[in-house]
């Protein structure tokens, strides 16, 4: 049975989509939040195209946004019986980039507030992340109490907990 929260878009992500951004263009976060989950059919189509395996079903992912090049940001449903907001947030880029962005939604909100988008994680040092006050307000309102940490700590914790993400995804490719 699919948990009901897989159909309910988290209010925090709706707030991310509506939040004003202080930095635009090359200075800003390359992240385009969706206003709802990508449909299961579109998620399956994306995963099949991304991996080249026409037999895959995309139910392990709930896509929540993309970067400007079309790479997807998604919850990776690897924690059985846990709400979608407690699942790790991952990035699968249009050029084959793969990384875990955060251990859960709270970490992802703090990452965005610190000015980090998916490309900043996939290619560190290419841009100086600039804090986003509007996204900070979202994180302060919606992130779990006591979850605030600097972006480098969020990234290190996510990488330590899910060191096999890239290998897991590569194993799906024929």
N, C-alpha and C. Protein backbone atom coordinates (compact mmCIF):
# COMPACT_ATOMS: atom_id res chain seq x y z
N UNK A 1 0.84 -1.19 0.00
CA UNK A 1 0.00 0.00 0.00
C UNK A 1 0.89 1.25 0.00
N UNK A 2 0.55 2.21 -0.81
CA UNK A 2 1.31 3.46 -0.88
C UNK A 2 0.84 4.39 0.24
N UNK A 3 1.77 4.86 1.09
CA UNK A 3 1.36 5.80 2.15
C UNK A 3 0.69 7.03 1.55
N UNK A 4 -0.34 7.53 2.23
CA UNK A 4 -1.12 8.65 1.70
C UNK A 4 -0.27 9.90 1.52
N UNK A 5 0.79 10.06 2.31
CA UNK A 5 1.58 11.29 2.19
C UNK A 5 2.35 11.36 0.87
N UNK A 6 2.39 10.26 0.13
CA UNK A 6 3.05 10.29 -1.18
C UNK A 6 2.24 11.08 -2.20
N UNK A 7 0.99 11.34 -1.89
CA UNK A 7 0.14 12.10 -2.79
C UNK A 7 -0.03 13.55 -2.33
N UNK A 8 0.29 13.80 -1.07
CA UNK A 8 0.11 15.13 -0.49
C UNK A 8 1.43 15.89 -0.55
N UNK A 9 1.45 16.92 -1.39
CA UNK A 9 2.67 17.72 -1.53
C UNK A 9 2.91 18.47 -0.22
N UNK A 10 4.13 18.36 0.32
CA UNK A 10 4.41 19.03 1.60
C UNK A 10 4.23 20.54 1.52
N UNK A 11 3.52 21.12 2.48
CA UNK A 11 3.32 22.58 2.48
C UNK A 11 4.64 23.34 2.45
N UNK A 12 5.69 22.80 3.03
CA UNK A 12 6.99 23.48 3.01
C UNK A 12 7.47 23.68 1.58
N UNK A 13 7.22 22.71 0.71
CA UNK A 13 7.66 22.84 -0.69
C UNK A 13 6.80 23.82 -1.47
N UNK A 14 5.53 23.92 -1.10
CA UNK A 14 4.68 24.95 -1.70
C UNK A 14 5.22 26.32 -1.30
N UNK A 15 5.65 26.45 -0.05
CA UNK A 15 6.22 27.72 0.42
C UNK A 15 7.54 28.02 -0.28
N UNK A 16 8.36 27.00 -0.54
CA UNK A 16 9.61 27.21 -1.28
C UNK A 16 9.30 27.79 -2.66
N UNK A 17 8.30 27.23 -3.32
CA UNK A 17 7.94 27.70 -4.67
C UNK A 17 7.48 29.15 -4.65
N UNK A 18 6.83 29.56 -3.57
CA UNK A 18 6.29 30.92 -3.49
C UNK A 18 7.26 31.93 -2.89
N UNK A 19 8.36 31.47 -2.30
CA UNK A 19 9.28 32.36 -1.59
C UNK A 19 10.02 33.28 -2.56
N UNK A 20 10.16 34.55 -2.17
CA UNK A 20 10.96 35.46 -3.00
C UNK A 20 12.44 35.08 -2.92
N UNK A 21 13.13 35.34 -4.02
CA UNK A 21 14.57 35.07 -4.07
C UNK A 21 15.31 36.40 -4.16
N UNK A 22 16.34 36.53 -3.35
CA UNK A 22 17.13 37.76 -3.33
C UNK A 22 18.16 37.78 -4.44
N UNK A 23 18.56 36.60 -4.92
CA UNK A 23 19.63 36.51 -5.91
C UNK A 23 19.10 35.85 -7.17
N UNK A 24 19.43 36.44 -8.30
CA UNK A 24 18.96 35.94 -9.59
C UNK A 24 20.15 35.58 -10.47
N UNK A 25 19.87 34.94 -11.58
CA UNK A 25 20.90 34.63 -12.57
C UNK A 25 22.00 33.77 -12.01
N UNK A 26 23.24 34.08 -12.40
CA UNK A 26 24.39 33.28 -11.98
C UNK A 26 24.64 33.35 -10.48
N UNK A 27 24.14 34.38 -9.82
CA UNK A 27 24.31 34.51 -8.37
C UNK A 27 23.34 33.64 -7.60
N UNK A 28 22.20 33.32 -8.20
CA UNK A 28 21.14 32.63 -7.49
C UNK A 28 21.22 31.11 -7.57
N UNK A 29 20.35 30.49 -6.81
CA UNK A 29 20.24 29.03 -6.77
C UNK A 29 19.63 28.54 -8.08
N UNK A 30 20.25 27.57 -8.70
CA UNK A 30 19.72 26.95 -9.91
C UNK A 30 18.78 25.81 -9.49
N UNK A 31 17.62 26.19 -9.00
CA UNK A 31 16.61 25.23 -8.57
C UNK A 31 15.24 25.81 -8.86
N UNK A 32 14.45 25.05 -9.59
CA UNK A 32 13.09 25.45 -9.95
C UNK A 32 12.13 24.49 -9.27
N UNK A 33 11.54 24.93 -8.14
CA UNK A 33 10.64 24.05 -7.41
C UNK A 33 9.33 23.84 -8.16
N UNK A 34 8.79 22.64 -8.05
CA UNK A 34 7.48 22.35 -8.61
C UNK A 34 6.43 22.74 -7.58
N UNK A 35 5.20 22.88 -8.03
CA UNK A 35 4.10 23.19 -7.13
C UNK A 35 3.33 21.94 -6.74
N UNK A 36 3.82 20.81 -7.16
CA UNK A 36 3.25 19.51 -6.82
C UNK A 36 4.22 18.44 -7.29
N UNK A 37 4.00 17.20 -6.83
CA UNK A 37 4.86 16.11 -7.27
C UNK A 37 4.70 15.87 -8.77
N UNK A 38 5.77 15.51 -9.44
CA UNK A 38 5.68 15.02 -10.81
C UNK A 38 4.81 13.77 -10.76
N UNK A 39 3.97 13.58 -11.74
CA UNK A 39 3.06 12.43 -11.72
C UNK A 39 3.84 11.12 -11.72
N UNK A 40 3.27 10.06 -11.17
CA UNK A 40 3.95 8.75 -11.20
C UNK A 40 4.29 8.31 -12.63
N UNK A 41 3.42 8.61 -13.58
CA UNK A 41 3.67 8.22 -14.97
C UNK A 41 4.86 8.99 -15.54
N UNK A 42 4.92 10.29 -15.26
CA UNK A 42 6.04 11.09 -15.74
C UNK A 42 7.34 10.73 -15.01
N UNK A 43 7.23 10.37 -13.74
CA UNK A 43 8.42 9.95 -12.99
C UNK A 43 8.97 8.65 -13.58
N UNK A 44 8.09 7.72 -13.90
CA UNK A 44 8.52 6.46 -14.52
C UNK A 44 9.15 6.72 -15.88
N UNK A 45 8.53 7.59 -16.68
CA UNK A 45 9.09 7.92 -18.00
C UNK A 45 10.48 8.54 -17.86
N UNK A 46 10.63 9.45 -16.88
CA UNK A 46 11.94 10.07 -16.65
C UNK A 46 12.98 9.02 -16.25
N UNK A 47 12.63 8.16 -15.28
CA UNK A 47 13.59 7.17 -14.80
C UNK A 47 14.00 6.21 -15.92
N UNK A 48 13.05 5.82 -16.74
CA UNK A 48 13.37 4.94 -17.86
C UNK A 48 14.30 5.63 -18.85
N UNK A 49 14.02 6.89 -19.16
CA UNK A 49 14.88 7.63 -20.09
C UNK A 49 16.26 7.86 -19.48
N UNK A 50 16.30 8.16 -18.19
CA UNK A 50 17.56 8.48 -17.53
C UNK A 50 18.45 7.25 -17.42
N UNK A 51 17.85 6.08 -17.16
CA UNK A 51 18.65 4.86 -16.97
C UNK A 51 18.78 4.03 -18.23
N UNK A 52 17.85 4.19 -19.17
CA UNK A 52 17.84 3.35 -20.36
C UNK A 52 17.17 2.01 -20.14
N UNK A 53 16.52 1.82 -18.99
CA UNK A 53 15.85 0.56 -18.67
C UNK A 53 14.34 0.76 -18.77
N UNK A 54 13.74 0.22 -19.82
CA UNK A 54 12.31 0.39 -20.07
C UNK A 54 11.42 -0.41 -19.12
N UNK A 55 12.00 -1.26 -18.29
CA UNK A 55 11.21 -2.06 -17.36
C UNK A 55 11.03 -1.40 -15.99
N UNK A 56 11.79 -0.35 -15.72
CA UNK A 56 11.73 0.28 -14.40
C UNK A 56 10.41 1.01 -14.18
N UNK A 57 10.04 1.09 -12.92
CA UNK A 57 8.91 1.89 -12.47
C UNK A 57 9.49 2.92 -11.50
N UNK A 58 9.00 4.14 -11.55
CA UNK A 58 9.59 5.22 -10.77
C UNK A 58 9.06 5.40 -9.37
N UNK A 59 8.46 4.37 -8.77
CA UNK A 59 7.84 4.56 -7.47
C UNK A 59 8.81 4.76 -6.31
N UNK A 60 10.10 4.60 -6.53
CA UNK A 60 11.09 4.89 -5.49
C UNK A 60 11.41 6.38 -5.39
N UNK A 61 10.83 7.18 -6.29
CA UNK A 61 11.12 8.61 -6.32
C UNK A 61 9.84 9.42 -6.34
N UNK A 62 9.88 10.58 -5.68
CA UNK A 62 8.81 11.58 -5.76
C UNK A 62 9.52 12.87 -6.15
N UNK A 63 9.40 13.26 -7.42
CA UNK A 63 10.12 14.41 -7.97
C UNK A 63 9.46 15.70 -7.52
N UNK A 64 10.30 16.64 -7.00
CA UNK A 64 9.79 17.88 -6.42
C UNK A 64 10.27 19.14 -7.12
N UNK A 65 11.21 19.01 -8.07
CA UNK A 65 11.72 20.19 -8.75
C UNK A 65 12.82 19.81 -9.72
N UNK A 66 13.39 20.83 -10.34
CA UNK A 66 14.45 20.60 -11.31
C UNK A 66 15.42 21.77 -11.32
N UNK A 67 16.55 21.55 -11.97
CA UNK A 67 17.45 22.68 -12.20
C UNK A 67 17.21 23.18 -13.62
N UNK A 68 17.90 24.23 -14.01
CA UNK A 68 17.67 24.84 -15.31
C UNK A 68 17.98 23.95 -16.49
N UNK A 69 18.86 22.97 -16.30
CA UNK A 69 19.22 22.06 -17.38
C UNK A 69 18.29 20.85 -17.47
N UNK A 70 17.33 20.76 -16.53
CA UNK A 70 16.36 19.67 -16.58
C UNK A 70 16.66 18.49 -15.68
N UNK A 71 17.69 18.58 -14.85
CA UNK A 71 17.93 17.53 -13.87
C UNK A 71 16.87 17.58 -12.79
N UNK A 72 16.52 16.45 -12.21
CA UNK A 72 15.44 16.39 -11.23
C UNK A 72 15.95 16.27 -9.80
N UNK A 73 15.21 16.92 -8.91
CA UNK A 73 15.38 16.81 -7.47
C UNK A 73 14.19 16.00 -6.97
N UNK A 74 14.47 14.99 -6.14
CA UNK A 74 13.40 14.09 -5.72
C UNK A 74 13.65 13.55 -4.32
N UNK A 75 12.56 13.15 -3.68
CA UNK A 75 12.68 12.31 -2.50
C UNK A 75 12.99 10.91 -3.01
N UNK A 76 13.96 10.26 -2.39
CA UNK A 76 14.33 8.88 -2.72
C UNK A 76 13.76 8.01 -1.61
N UNK A 77 12.76 7.24 -1.91
CA UNK A 77 12.02 6.48 -0.91
C UNK A 77 12.76 5.19 -0.53
N UNK A 78 13.71 5.31 0.37
CA UNK A 78 14.51 4.16 0.80
C UNK A 78 14.31 3.81 2.27
N UNK A 79 13.53 4.58 2.96
CA UNK A 79 13.26 4.32 4.37
C UNK A 79 11.82 3.79 4.48
N UNK A 80 11.68 2.47 4.55
CA UNK A 80 10.34 1.89 4.59
C UNK A 80 9.52 2.44 5.76
N UNK A 81 8.25 2.62 5.51
CA UNK A 81 7.29 3.04 6.54
C UNK A 81 7.58 4.40 7.16
N UNK A 82 8.34 5.22 6.46
CA UNK A 82 8.61 6.58 6.94
C UNK A 82 7.93 7.56 5.99
N UNK A 83 7.47 8.69 6.50
CA UNK A 83 6.83 9.69 5.63
C UNK A 83 7.79 10.19 4.56
N UNK A 84 7.23 10.69 3.49
CA UNK A 84 8.05 11.17 2.37
C UNK A 84 8.99 12.28 2.84
N UNK A 85 8.58 13.10 3.79
CA UNK A 85 9.42 14.20 4.27
C UNK A 85 10.62 13.71 5.08
N UNK A 86 10.62 12.43 5.47
CA UNK A 86 11.75 11.83 6.18
C UNK A 86 12.68 11.06 5.24
N UNK A 87 12.42 11.11 3.97
CA UNK A 87 13.25 10.42 2.98
C UNK A 87 14.37 11.36 2.51
N UNK A 88 15.49 10.80 2.06
CA UNK A 88 16.57 11.67 1.55
C UNK A 88 16.14 12.39 0.27
N UNK A 89 16.71 13.56 0.08
CA UNK A 89 16.47 14.36 -1.12
C UNK A 89 17.70 14.20 -2.01
N UNK A 90 17.46 13.80 -3.27
CA UNK A 90 18.55 13.49 -4.19
C UNK A 90 18.44 14.30 -5.47
N UNK A 91 19.54 14.31 -6.22
CA UNK A 91 19.59 15.01 -7.50
C UNK A 91 20.12 14.06 -8.56
N UNK A 92 19.41 13.97 -9.67
CA UNK A 92 19.86 13.24 -10.86
C UNK A 92 19.87 14.25 -12.00
N UNK A 93 21.06 14.68 -12.38
CA UNK A 93 21.22 15.75 -13.35
C UNK A 93 21.11 15.30 -14.79
N UNK A 94 20.94 16.26 -15.66
CA UNK A 94 20.78 16.00 -17.09
C UNK A 94 22.06 15.50 -17.74
N UNK A 95 23.19 15.71 -17.07
CA UNK A 95 24.48 15.26 -17.61
C UNK A 95 25.03 14.07 -16.84
N UNK A 96 24.14 13.37 -16.12
CA UNK A 96 24.55 12.19 -15.39
C UNK A 96 25.00 12.44 -13.96
N UNK A 97 24.88 13.67 -13.48
CA UNK A 97 25.24 13.95 -12.09
C UNK A 97 24.29 13.19 -11.16
N UNK A 98 24.83 12.71 -10.05
CA UNK A 98 24.02 12.03 -9.03
C UNK A 98 24.58 12.38 -7.68
N UNK A 99 23.72 12.86 -6.79
CA UNK A 99 24.17 13.14 -5.43
C UNK A 99 22.99 13.20 -4.48
N UNK A 100 23.29 12.93 -3.23
CA UNK A 100 22.31 13.09 -2.16
C UNK A 100 22.47 14.51 -1.64
N UNK A 101 21.38 15.26 -1.65
CA UNK A 101 21.42 16.64 -1.21
C UNK A 101 21.23 16.78 0.30
N UNK A 102 20.33 15.98 0.85
CA UNK A 102 20.02 16.09 2.28
C UNK A 102 19.40 14.79 2.76
N UNK A 103 19.48 14.56 4.05
CA UNK A 103 18.91 13.35 4.63
C UNK A 103 17.39 13.37 4.67
N UNK A 104 16.81 14.56 4.61
CA UNK A 104 15.35 14.69 4.71
C UNK A 104 14.95 16.10 4.26
N UNK A 105 13.65 16.36 4.32
CA UNK A 105 13.15 17.67 3.88
C UNK A 105 13.72 18.80 4.72
N UNK A 106 13.82 18.62 6.03
CA UNK A 106 14.36 19.70 6.87
C UNK A 106 15.76 20.09 6.43
N UNK A 107 16.61 19.11 6.21
CA UNK A 107 17.96 19.40 5.74
C UNK A 107 17.96 20.12 4.40
N UNK A 108 17.07 19.70 3.51
CA UNK A 108 16.97 20.34 2.20
C UNK A 108 16.55 21.80 2.33
N UNK A 109 15.63 22.09 3.23
CA UNK A 109 15.19 23.47 3.43
C UNK A 109 16.34 24.34 3.92
N UNK A 110 17.15 23.82 4.85
CA UNK A 110 18.30 24.60 5.35
C UNK A 110 19.36 24.76 4.27
N UNK A 111 19.52 23.74 3.43
CA UNK A 111 20.47 23.81 2.32
C UNK A 111 20.08 24.95 1.37
N UNK A 112 18.78 25.00 1.01
CA UNK A 112 18.30 26.08 0.14
C UNK A 112 18.46 27.44 0.82
N UNK A 113 18.15 27.51 2.11
CA UNK A 113 18.28 28.78 2.83
C UNK A 113 19.71 29.29 2.81
N UNK A 114 20.67 28.36 2.84
CA UNK A 114 22.08 28.75 2.77
C UNK A 114 22.54 29.08 1.35
N UNK A 115 21.63 28.95 0.38
CA UNK A 115 21.95 29.33 -0.99
C UNK A 115 22.49 28.21 -1.85
N UNK A 116 22.35 26.96 -1.42
CA UNK A 116 22.85 25.82 -2.18
C UNK A 116 21.73 25.18 -2.99
N UNK A 117 22.00 24.99 -4.28
CA UNK A 117 21.11 24.24 -5.15
C UNK A 117 21.78 22.94 -5.55
N UNK A 118 21.11 22.13 -6.36
CA UNK A 118 21.66 20.82 -6.72
C UNK A 118 23.00 20.88 -7.46
N UNK A 119 23.18 21.83 -8.33
CA UNK A 119 24.44 21.93 -9.07
C UNK A 119 25.59 22.33 -8.15
N UNK A 120 25.28 23.13 -7.13
CA UNK A 120 26.32 23.52 -6.16
C UNK A 120 26.84 22.31 -5.41
N UNK A 121 25.99 21.31 -5.23
CA UNK A 121 26.40 20.09 -4.55
C UNK A 121 27.14 19.18 -5.53
N UNK A 122 26.62 19.06 -6.74
CA UNK A 122 27.25 18.20 -7.75
C UNK A 122 28.61 18.73 -8.19
N UNK A 123 28.75 20.06 -8.26
CA UNK A 123 29.99 20.70 -8.70
C UNK A 123 30.40 21.77 -7.68
N UNK A 124 30.90 21.36 -6.53
CA UNK A 124 31.25 22.34 -5.49
C UNK A 124 32.32 23.32 -5.96
N UNK A 125 32.18 24.55 -5.48
CA UNK A 125 33.19 25.57 -5.75
C UNK A 125 33.00 26.35 -7.04
N UNK A 126 32.01 26.01 -7.83
CA UNK A 126 31.81 26.74 -9.08
C UNK A 126 31.09 28.07 -8.87
N UNK A 127 30.40 28.18 -7.76
CA UNK A 127 29.64 29.39 -7.46
C UNK A 127 29.65 29.57 -5.95
N UNK A 128 29.75 30.79 -5.51
CA UNK A 128 29.70 31.06 -4.07
C UNK A 128 28.22 31.13 -3.66
N UNK A 129 27.74 30.13 -2.92
CA UNK A 129 26.33 30.15 -2.49
C UNK A 129 26.06 31.37 -1.61
N UNK A 130 24.98 32.06 -1.90
CA UNK A 130 24.59 33.24 -1.14
C UNK A 130 23.29 32.93 -0.40
N UNK A 131 23.24 33.19 0.90
CA UNK A 131 22.02 32.92 1.66
C UNK A 131 20.80 33.59 1.04
N UNK A 132 19.69 32.91 1.14
CA UNK A 132 18.42 33.41 0.59
C UNK A 132 17.46 33.71 1.74
N UNK A 133 17.24 34.99 2.07
CA UNK A 133 16.37 35.34 3.20
C UNK A 133 14.95 34.77 3.08
N UNK A 134 14.37 34.77 1.90
CA UNK A 134 13.03 34.22 1.73
C UNK A 134 12.96 32.74 2.01
N UNK A 135 14.00 32.01 1.61
CA UNK A 135 14.05 30.57 1.87
C UNK A 135 14.43 30.29 3.33
N UNK A 136 15.17 31.21 3.96
CA UNK A 136 15.45 31.10 5.38
C UNK A 136 14.15 31.17 6.17
N UNK A 137 13.28 32.07 5.79
CA UNK A 137 11.98 32.19 6.45
C UNK A 137 11.18 30.89 6.32
N UNK A 138 11.24 30.27 5.15
CA UNK A 138 10.55 28.98 4.93
C UNK A 138 11.15 27.91 5.84
N UNK A 139 12.47 27.83 5.87
CA UNK A 139 13.14 26.82 6.71
C UNK A 139 12.81 27.03 8.18
N UNK A 140 12.84 28.27 8.63
CA UNK A 140 12.54 28.56 10.03
C UNK A 140 11.12 28.15 10.39
N UNK A 141 10.22 28.27 9.44
CA UNK A 141 8.81 27.93 9.71
C UNK A 141 8.54 26.43 9.61
N UNK A 142 9.14 25.76 8.63
CA UNK A 142 8.74 24.39 8.32
C UNK A 142 9.73 23.29 8.73
N UNK A 143 10.99 23.60 8.90
CA UNK A 143 11.96 22.56 9.24
C UNK A 143 11.73 22.08 10.67
N UNK A 144 12.07 20.82 10.91
CA UNK A 144 11.93 20.26 12.25
C UNK A 144 12.75 21.06 13.25
N UNK A 145 12.22 21.20 14.44
CA UNK A 145 12.92 21.91 15.51
C UNK A 145 14.27 21.25 15.76
N UNK A 146 15.28 22.07 15.90
CA UNK A 146 16.62 21.56 16.19
C UNK A 146 17.36 20.99 15.00
N UNK A 147 16.80 21.12 13.80
CA UNK A 147 17.45 20.54 12.62
C UNK A 147 18.40 21.50 11.90
N UNK A 148 18.44 22.74 12.33
CA UNK A 148 19.28 23.72 11.63
C UNK A 148 20.76 23.39 11.76
N UNK A 149 21.41 23.30 10.60
CA UNK A 149 22.86 23.08 10.52
C UNK A 149 23.37 23.79 9.29
N UNK A 150 24.65 24.14 9.26
CA UNK A 150 25.23 24.75 8.06
C UNK A 150 25.22 23.74 6.91
N UNK A 151 25.14 24.25 5.70
CA UNK A 151 25.08 23.40 4.50
C UNK A 151 26.19 22.35 4.45
N UNK A 152 27.46 22.68 4.75
CA UNK A 152 28.49 21.64 4.69
C UNK A 152 28.21 20.45 5.61
N UNK A 153 27.63 20.71 6.77
CA UNK A 153 27.28 19.62 7.69
C UNK A 153 26.13 18.78 7.13
N UNK A 154 25.14 19.43 6.54
CA UNK A 154 24.01 18.72 5.93
C UNK A 154 24.52 17.80 4.83
N UNK A 155 25.40 18.32 3.99
CA UNK A 155 25.93 17.53 2.87
C UNK A 155 26.78 16.37 3.37
N UNK A 156 27.61 16.61 4.37
CA UNK A 156 28.46 15.55 4.90
C UNK A 156 27.62 14.44 5.53
N UNK A 157 26.60 14.80 6.28
CA UNK A 157 25.74 13.80 6.91
C UNK A 157 24.99 12.98 5.86
N UNK A 158 24.50 13.65 4.83
CA UNK A 158 23.77 12.94 3.77
C UNK A 158 24.69 11.99 3.02
N UNK A 159 25.88 12.44 2.70
CA UNK A 159 26.85 11.58 1.99
C UNK A 159 27.26 10.39 2.85
N UNK A 160 27.40 10.61 4.16
CA UNK A 160 27.79 9.52 5.06
C UNK A 160 26.69 8.49 5.21
N UNK A 161 25.45 8.95 5.27
CA UNK A 161 24.34 8.01 5.44
C UNK A 161 24.01 7.24 4.17
N UNK A 162 24.22 7.86 3.02
CA UNK A 162 23.85 7.25 1.75
C UNK A 162 25.04 7.22 0.78
N UNK A 163 26.14 6.58 1.17
CA UNK A 163 27.33 6.58 0.32
C UNK A 163 27.15 5.78 -0.96
N UNK A 164 26.14 4.95 -1.03
CA UNK A 164 25.95 4.07 -2.19
C UNK A 164 24.89 4.55 -3.17
N UNK A 165 24.44 5.81 -3.03
CA UNK A 165 23.39 6.30 -3.92
C UNK A 165 23.78 6.18 -5.38
N UNK A 166 24.95 6.70 -5.73
CA UNK A 166 25.39 6.67 -7.12
C UNK A 166 25.49 5.24 -7.65
N UNK A 167 26.07 4.35 -6.88
CA UNK A 167 26.20 2.97 -7.31
C UNK A 167 24.83 2.29 -7.46
N UNK A 168 23.89 2.65 -6.57
CA UNK A 168 22.54 2.09 -6.64
C UNK A 168 21.87 2.51 -7.95
N UNK A 169 22.01 3.76 -8.29
CA UNK A 169 21.38 4.25 -9.53
C UNK A 169 22.10 3.69 -10.75
N UNK A 170 23.42 3.66 -10.73
CA UNK A 170 24.17 3.09 -11.86
C UNK A 170 23.82 1.63 -12.09
N UNK A 171 23.48 0.91 -11.02
CA UNK A 171 23.11 -0.50 -11.15
C UNK A 171 21.77 -0.68 -11.89
N UNK A 172 20.98 0.38 -11.95
CA UNK A 172 19.72 0.34 -12.68
C UNK A 172 19.92 0.47 -14.19
N UNK A 173 21.08 0.93 -14.59
CA UNK A 173 21.36 1.17 -16.01
C UNK A 173 21.87 -0.11 -16.66
N UNK A 174 21.22 -0.52 -17.76
CA UNK A 174 21.66 -1.74 -18.44
C UNK A 174 23.05 -1.60 -19.08
